[in-house]
C-alpha atoms as a PDB file:
ATOM      1  CA  MET A   1       0.254   0.168  -0.099  1.00  0.00           C
ATOM      2  CA  PRO A   2       1.343   3.298  -0.943  1.00  0.00           C
ATOM      3  CA  THR A   3       2.378   5.838   1.664  1.00  0.00           C
ATOM      4  CA  THR A   4       1.897   9.639   0.909  1.00  0.00           C
ATOM      5  CA  LEU A   5       5.076  11.849   1.852  1.00  0.00           C
ATOM      6  CA  SER A   6       5.627  15.287   2.870  1.00  0.00           C
ATOM      7  CA  ALA A   7       7.351  17.873   0.555  1.00  0.00           C
ATOM      8  CA  GLY A   8      11.154  17.615   2.818  1.00  0.00           C
ATOM      9  CA  GLU A   9      10.679  13.812   2.061  1.00  0.00           C
ATOM     10  CA  LEU A  10      10.790  14.309  -1.028  1.00  0.00           C
ATOM     11  CA  THR A  11      14.552  15.127  -1.221  1.00  0.00           C
ATOM     12  CA  GLY A  12      16.579  13.564  -4.077  1.00  0.00           C
ATOM     13  CA  ALA A  13      17.781  12.208  -7.197  1.00  0.00           C
ATOM     14  CA  TYR A  14      15.247  10.889  -9.835  1.00  0.00           C
ATOM     15  CA  ALA A  15      15.712   9.274 -12.894  1.00  0.00           C
ATOM     16  CA  LEU A  16      12.124   9.056 -14.980  1.00  0.00           C
ATOM     17  CA  ASP A  17      10.402   5.504 -15.534  1.00  0.00           C
ATOM     18  CA  ALA A  18       9.850   5.697 -19.383  1.00  0.00           C
ATOM     19  CA  ALA A  19       7.924   2.464 -19.414  1.00  0.00           C
ATOM     20  CA  ARG A  20       5.260   4.685 -17.177  1.00  0.00           C
ATOM     21  CA  SER A  21       5.139   7.825 -18.668  1.00  0.00           C
ATOM     22  CA  ARG A  22       3.868   9.933 -21.587  1.00  0.00           C
ATOM     23  CA  VAL A  23       6.032  12.402 -23.391  1.00  0.00           C
ATOM     24  CA  GLY A  24       4.027  14.055 -26.472  1.00  0.00           C
ATOM     25  CA  PHE A  25       2.375  17.144 -28.133  1.00  0.00           C
ATOM     26  CA  VAL A  26      -0.874  18.408 -29.591  1.00  0.00           C
ATOM     27  CA  GLY A  27      -1.188  20.673 -32.930  1.00  0.00           C
ATOM     28  CA  ARG A  28      -3.960  21.776 -35.571  1.00  0.00           C
ATOM     29  CA  HIS A  29      -3.838  21.017 -38.611  1.00  0.00           C
ATOM     30  CA  THR A  30      -6.686  23.448 -41.182  1.00  0.00           C
ATOM     31  CA  MET A  31      -7.657  24.812 -37.977  1.00  0.00           C
ATOM     32  CA  SER A  32     -10.054  22.286 -36.708  1.00  0.00           C
ATOM     33  CA  THR A  33      -8.577  19.110 -36.985  1.00  0.00           C
ATOM     34  CA  ARG A  34      -6.309  18.311 -33.647  1.00  0.00           C
ATOM     35  CA  VAL A  35      -3.150  16.441 -34.242  1.00  0.00           C
ATOM     36  CA  ARG A  36      -1.800  14.215 -31.140  1.00  0.00           C
ATOM     37  CA  GLY A  37       1.920  12.633 -30.962  1.00  0.00           C
ATOM     38  CA  GLU A  38       4.180  11.367 -28.825  1.00  0.00           C
ATOM     39  CA  PHE A  39       7.778   9.992 -28.440  1.00  0.00           C
ATOM     40  CA  GLU A  40       8.768   6.743 -27.518  1.00  0.00           C
ATOM     41  CA  GLU A  41      12.117   6.937 -26.767  1.00  0.00           C
ATOM     42  CA  TYR A  42      13.256   9.294 -24.101  1.00  0.00           C
ATOM     43  CA  GLU A  43      15.595   9.351 -20.605  1.00  0.00           C
ATOM     44  CA  GLY A  44      15.540  11.863 -18.213  1.00  0.00           C
ATOM     45  CA  SER A  45      16.670  12.921 -14.723  1.00  0.00           C
ATOM     46  CA  GLY A  46      16.354  15.785 -12.049  1.00  0.00           C
ATOM     47  CA  TYR A  47      17.169  16.711  -8.371  1.00  0.00           C
ATOM     48  CA  LEU A  48      14.076  17.766  -6.102  1.00  0.00           C
ATOM     49  CA  PHE A  49      14.505  19.842  -3.241  1.00  0.00           C
ATOM     50  CA  GLY A  50      11.452  19.169  -0.994  1.00  0.00           C
ATOM     51  CA  ASP A  51      10.913  22.130   1.505  1.00  0.00           C
ATOM     52  CA  HIS A  52      13.101  24.618  -1.645  1.00  0.00           C
ATOM     53  CA  PRO A  53      11.751  23.469  -4.831  1.00  0.00           C
ATOM     54  CA  SER A  54      13.052  26.752  -6.514  1.00  0.00           C
ATOM     55  CA  LYS A  55      16.506  24.967  -6.071  1.00  0.00           C
ATOM     56  CA  SER A  56      15.133  22.052  -7.960  1.00  0.00           C
ATOM     57  CA  SER A  57      16.438  20.967 -11.828  1.00  0.00           C
ATOM     58  CA  ALA A  58      15.217  18.641 -14.554  1.00  0.00           C
ATOM     59  CA  ARG A  59      16.590  17.105 -17.948  1.00  0.00           C
ATOM     60  CA  LEU A  60      15.221  15.470 -20.651  1.00  0.00           C
ATOM     61  CA  THR A  61      16.210  14.083 -23.891  1.00  0.00           C
ATOM     62  CA  ILE A  62      14.019  12.772 -26.484  1.00  0.00           C
ATOM     63  CA  ARG A  63      15.204  10.986 -29.505  1.00  0.00           C
ATOM     64  CA  ALA A  64      13.421  12.626 -32.437  1.00  0.00           C
ATOM     65  CA  SER A  65      12.910  10.189 -34.494  1.00  0.00           C
ATOM     66  CA  SER A  66      10.907   8.209 -32.205  1.00  0.00           C
ATOM     67  CA  LEU A  67       8.104  10.582 -33.023  1.00  0.00           C
ATOM     68  CA  GLN A  68       4.675   8.540 -33.788  1.00  0.00           C
ATOM     69  CA  THR A  69       1.085   9.844 -34.446  1.00  0.00           C
ATOM     70  CA  HIS A  70       0.244   6.654 -36.082  1.00  0.00           C
ATOM     71  CA  HIS A  71       0.352   7.976 -39.418  1.00  0.00           C
ATOM     72  CA  ARG A  72       3.065   6.840 -41.275  1.00  0.00           C
ATOM     73  CA  GLN A  73       3.041   8.954 -43.769  1.00  0.00           C
ATOM     74  CA  ARG A  74       2.722  12.084 -41.686  1.00  0.00           C
ATOM     75  CA  ASP A  75       5.131  10.613 -39.386  1.00  0.00           C
ATOM     76  CA  GLU A  76       7.645  10.381 -42.044  1.00  0.00           C
ATOM     77  CA  GLN A  77       7.367  13.835 -42.474  1.00  0.00           C
ATOM     78  CA  LEU A  78       7.427  15.432 -39.557  1.00  0.00           C
ATOM     79  CA  ARG A  79      10.535  12.952 -38.360  1.00  0.00           C
ATOM     80  CA  GLY A  80      12.040  14.385 -41.829  1.00  0.00           C
ATOM     81  CA  THR A  81      11.132  17.402 -43.095  1.00  0.00           C
ATOM     82  CA  PHE A  82       9.926  19.301 -40.056  1.00  0.00           C
ATOM     83  CA  LEU A  83      12.431  17.778 -36.980  1.00  0.00           C
ATOM     84  CA  ASP A  84      15.135  16.881 -39.694  1.00  0.00           C
ATOM     85  CA  THR A  85      15.957  14.030 -37.454  1.00  0.00           C
ATOM     86  CA  ASP A  86      18.881  12.860 -39.899  1.00  0.00           C
ATOM     87  CA  HIS A  87      21.058  15.757 -38.736  1.00  0.00           C
ATOM     88  CA  HIS A  88      19.244  16.908 -35.082  1.00  0.00           C
ATOM     89  CA  PRO A  89      18.697  13.309 -33.694  1.00  0.00           C
ATOM     90  CA  SER A  90      17.778  14.718 -30.127  1.00  0.00           C
ATOM     91  CA  ILE A  91      15.231  17.171 -28.687  1.00  0.00           C
ATOM     92  CA  SER A  92      16.378  18.227 -25.291  1.00  0.00           C
ATOM     93  CA  PHE A  93      15.213  20.463 -22.316  1.00  0.00           C
ATOM     94  CA  ALA A  94      17.578  21.267 -19.247  1.00  0.00           C
ATOM     95  CA  SER A  95      15.757  23.634 -16.533  1.00  0.00           C
ATOM     96  CA  THR A  96      17.227  26.771 -15.172  1.00  0.00           C
ATOM     97  CA  ALA A  97      14.595  27.977 -12.920  1.00  0.00           C
ATOM     98  CA  VAL A  98      11.891  26.602 -11.131  1.00  0.00           C
ATOM     99  CA  ARG A  99       9.225  28.706  -9.298  1.00  0.00           C
ATOM    100  CA  PRO A 100       6.713  27.467  -7.128  1.00  0.00           C
ATOM    101  CA  VAL A 101       3.147  28.522  -8.046  1.00  0.00           C
ATOM    102  CA  ASP A 102       1.593  27.008  -5.171  1.00  0.00           C
ATOM    103  CA  ALA A 103       2.258  24.147  -2.959  1.00  0.00           C
ATOM    104  CA  THR A 104       2.043  21.642  -5.761  1.00  0.00           C
ATOM    105  CA  THR A 105       1.828  23.787  -8.921  1.00  0.00           C
ATOM    106  CA  TYR A 106       5.453  24.927 -10.466  1.00  0.00           C
ATOM    107  CA  GLU A 107       6.904  26.941 -13.385  1.00  0.00           C
ATOM    108  CA  VAL A 108       9.802  25.499 -14.478  1.00  0.00           C
ATOM    109  CA  THR A 109      11.817  27.404 -17.130  1.00  0.00           C
ATOM    110  CA  GLY A 110      14.774  26.197 -19.147  1.00  0.00           C
ATOM    111  CA  ASP A 111      15.892  26.142 -22.594  1.00  0.00           C
ATOM    112  CA  LEU A 112      14.623  23.700 -25.232  1.00  0.00           C
ATOM    113  CA  THR A 113      16.450  22.725 -28.407  1.00  0.00           C
ATOM    114  CA  MET A 114      15.105  21.211 -31.094  1.00  0.00           C
ATOM    115  CA  ARG A 115      16.585  21.347 -34.856  1.00  0.00           C
ATOM    116  CA  GLY A 116      19.985  22.683 -33.408  1.00  0.00           C
ATOM    117  CA  VAL A 117      17.751  25.626 -32.589  1.00  0.00           C
ATOM    118  CA  THR A 118      17.605  26.759 -28.380  1.00  0.00           C
ATOM    119  CA  LYS A 119      14.990  28.931 -27.086  1.00  0.00           C
ATOM    120  CA  PRO A 120      13.613  29.344 -23.504  1.00  0.00           C
ATOM    121  CA  VAL A 121      10.324  28.021 -22.406  1.00  0.00           C
ATOM    122  CA  THR A 122       8.363  27.844 -19.449  1.00  0.00           C
ATOM    123  CA  PHE A 123       6.483  24.649 -18.719  1.00  0.00           C
ATOM    124  CA  HIS A 124       3.528  24.725 -16.292  1.00  0.00           C
ATOM    125  CA  VAL A 125       3.969  21.759 -13.917  1.00  0.00           C
ATOM    126  CA  GLU A 126       1.565  19.790 -11.271  1.00  0.00           C
ATOM    127  CA  LEU A 127       3.065  17.519  -8.691  1.00  0.00           C
ATOM    128  CA  THR A 128       0.356  15.118  -9.243  1.00  0.00           C
ATOM    129  CA  ALA A 129       1.896  11.794  -6.675  1.00  0.00           C
ATOM    130  CA  ALA A 130       4.473  11.507  -4.126  1.00  0.00           C
ATOM    131  CA  GLU A 131       4.273   8.484  -2.507  1.00  0.00           C
ATOM    132  CA  SER A 132       6.628   5.482  -1.060  1.00  0.00           C
ATOM    133  CA  ASP A 133       5.630   2.276  -2.877  1.00  0.00           C
ATOM    134  CA  ALA A 134       5.446  -1.725  -1.193  1.00  0.00           C
ATOM    135  CA  ARG A 135       9.297  -1.784  -1.925  1.00  0.00           C
ATOM    136  CA  GLY A 136      10.234   1.824  -0.382  1.00  0.00           C
ATOM    137  CA  ASP A 137      11.348   3.498  -3.639  1.00  0.00           C
ATOM    138  CA  ILE A 138       9.950   7.143  -3.785  1.00  0.00           C
ATOM    139  CA  ARG A 139       8.181   7.986  -6.891  1.00  0.00           C
ATOM    140  CA  ILE A 140       6.389  10.931  -8.039  1.00  0.00           C
ATOM    141  CA  GLY A 141       3.933  11.573 -10.806  1.00  0.00           C
ATOM    142  CA  LEU A 142       4.652  14.928 -12.691  1.00  0.00           C
ATOM    143  CA  LEU A 143       1.979  16.676 -15.302  1.00  0.00           C
ATOM    144  CA  GLY A 144       2.767  19.453 -17.463  1.00  0.00           C
ATOM    145  CA  SER A 145       2.554  21.533 -20.578  1.00  0.00           C
ATOM    146  CA  ALA A 146       3.701  24.273 -22.531  1.00  0.00           C
ATOM    147  CA  THR A 147       2.798  26.119 -25.568  1.00  0.00           C
ATOM    148  CA  ILE A 148       4.961  27.023 -28.564  1.00  0.00           C
ATOM    149  CA  ASP A 149       5.284  28.810 -31.446  1.00  0.00           C
ATOM    150  CA  ARG A 150       6.921  25.809 -34.167  1.00  0.00           C
ATOM    151  CA  LYS A 151       8.859  28.362 -36.253  1.00  0.00           C
ATOM    152  CA  ASP A 152      10.679  29.884 -33.402  1.00  0.00           C
ATOM    153  CA  TRP A 153      12.462  26.575 -34.214  1.00  0.00           C
ATOM    154  CA  ASP A 154      12.475  26.804 -37.660  1.00  0.00           C
ATOM    155  CA  LEU A 155       9.663  23.942 -37.828  1.00  0.00           C
ATOM    156  CA  ASN A 156       8.573  24.918 -41.023  1.00  0.00           C
ATOM    157  CA  TRP A 157       8.199  23.568 -44.605  1.00  0.00           C
ATOM    158  CA  ASN A 158       6.671  25.699 -46.949  1.00  0.00           C
ATOM    159  CA  ALA A 159       4.396  28.392 -47.308  1.00  0.00           C
ATOM    160  CA  ALA A 160       1.460  26.418 -47.711  1.00  0.00           C
ATOM    161  CA  THR A 161       2.171  24.755 -44.207  1.00  0.00           C
ATOM    162  CA  SER A 162       2.143  28.235 -42.233  1.00  0.00           C
ATOM    163  CA  VAL A 163      -1.702  28.143 -43.725  1.00  0.00           C
ATOM    164  CA  LEU A 164      -2.350  24.651 -43.066  1.00  0.00           C
ATOM    165  CA  VAL A 165      -1.036  24.030 -39.596  1.00  0.00           C
ATOM    166  CA  SER A 166      -0.995  25.930 -36.850  1.00  0.00           C
ATOM    167  CA  PRO A 167       2.427  27.584 -35.825  1.00  0.00           C
ATOM    168  CA  LYS A 168       1.254  27.159 -32.162  1.00  0.00           C
ATOM    169  CA  VAL A 169       2.084  23.150 -30.510  1.00  0.00           C
ATOM    170  CA  THR A 170       1.365  22.311 -27.392  1.00  0.00           C
ATOM    171  CA  LEU A 171       4.240  20.049 -25.611  1.00  0.00           C
ATOM    172  CA  GLU A 172       2.995  17.873 -22.776  1.00  0.00           C
ATOM    173  CA  PHE A 173       3.766  14.814 -20.533  1.00  0.00           C
ATOM    174  CA  ASP A 174       2.607  13.016 -17.615  1.00  0.00           C
ATOM    175  CA  LEU A 175       5.500  11.724 -15.931  1.00  0.00           C
ATOM    176  CA  ILE A 176       6.446   9.183 -13.373  1.00  0.00           C
ATOM    177  CA  ALA A 177      10.028   9.427 -11.867  1.00  0.00           C
ATOM    178  CA  VAL A 178      11.572   7.190  -9.059  1.00  0.00           C
ATOM    179  CA  ARG A 179      14.010   8.483  -6.324  1.00  0.00           C
ATOM    180  CA  GLN A 180      17.663   7.187  -6.591  1.00  0.00           C
ATOM    181  CA  PRO A 181      19.577   5.377  -3.721  1.00  0.00           C
END
């Protein structure tokens, strides 16, 4: 039976449990259709200061070619034309600041690198779970999102793309991280 923990008990280094996590995106095509996708291969880590969350940090590295929308032709175009995975095999995020909003909500700002372009992004993050499992492992759940303008990272194909595909893309995640010994 899981045991809920206090903020102070959560301090430590964490590794992402990719088997129980999801990293994805939502974009609009032709103004009415939402396209959802996810990345199947990624790894992440962080250090959580439970009593002083502003000192916390996080890193995430995504294998760009693991993108999946379950539409072969679209996936190939997104991997090739938009992400150029042959030349830019990874997407990365490294936090630079964590600002507590309340006891379980944070703004996590950091550098997002895609296609060789690095720009600052702020994710709105909620701590959804913090517990010790039956084996004594401490696990936390994090839910977050940020909306970006894909053109800031040169994610464009041609003039028609600017009309047919919204420049706004929501990056989202639902993560489970396990405290390391």
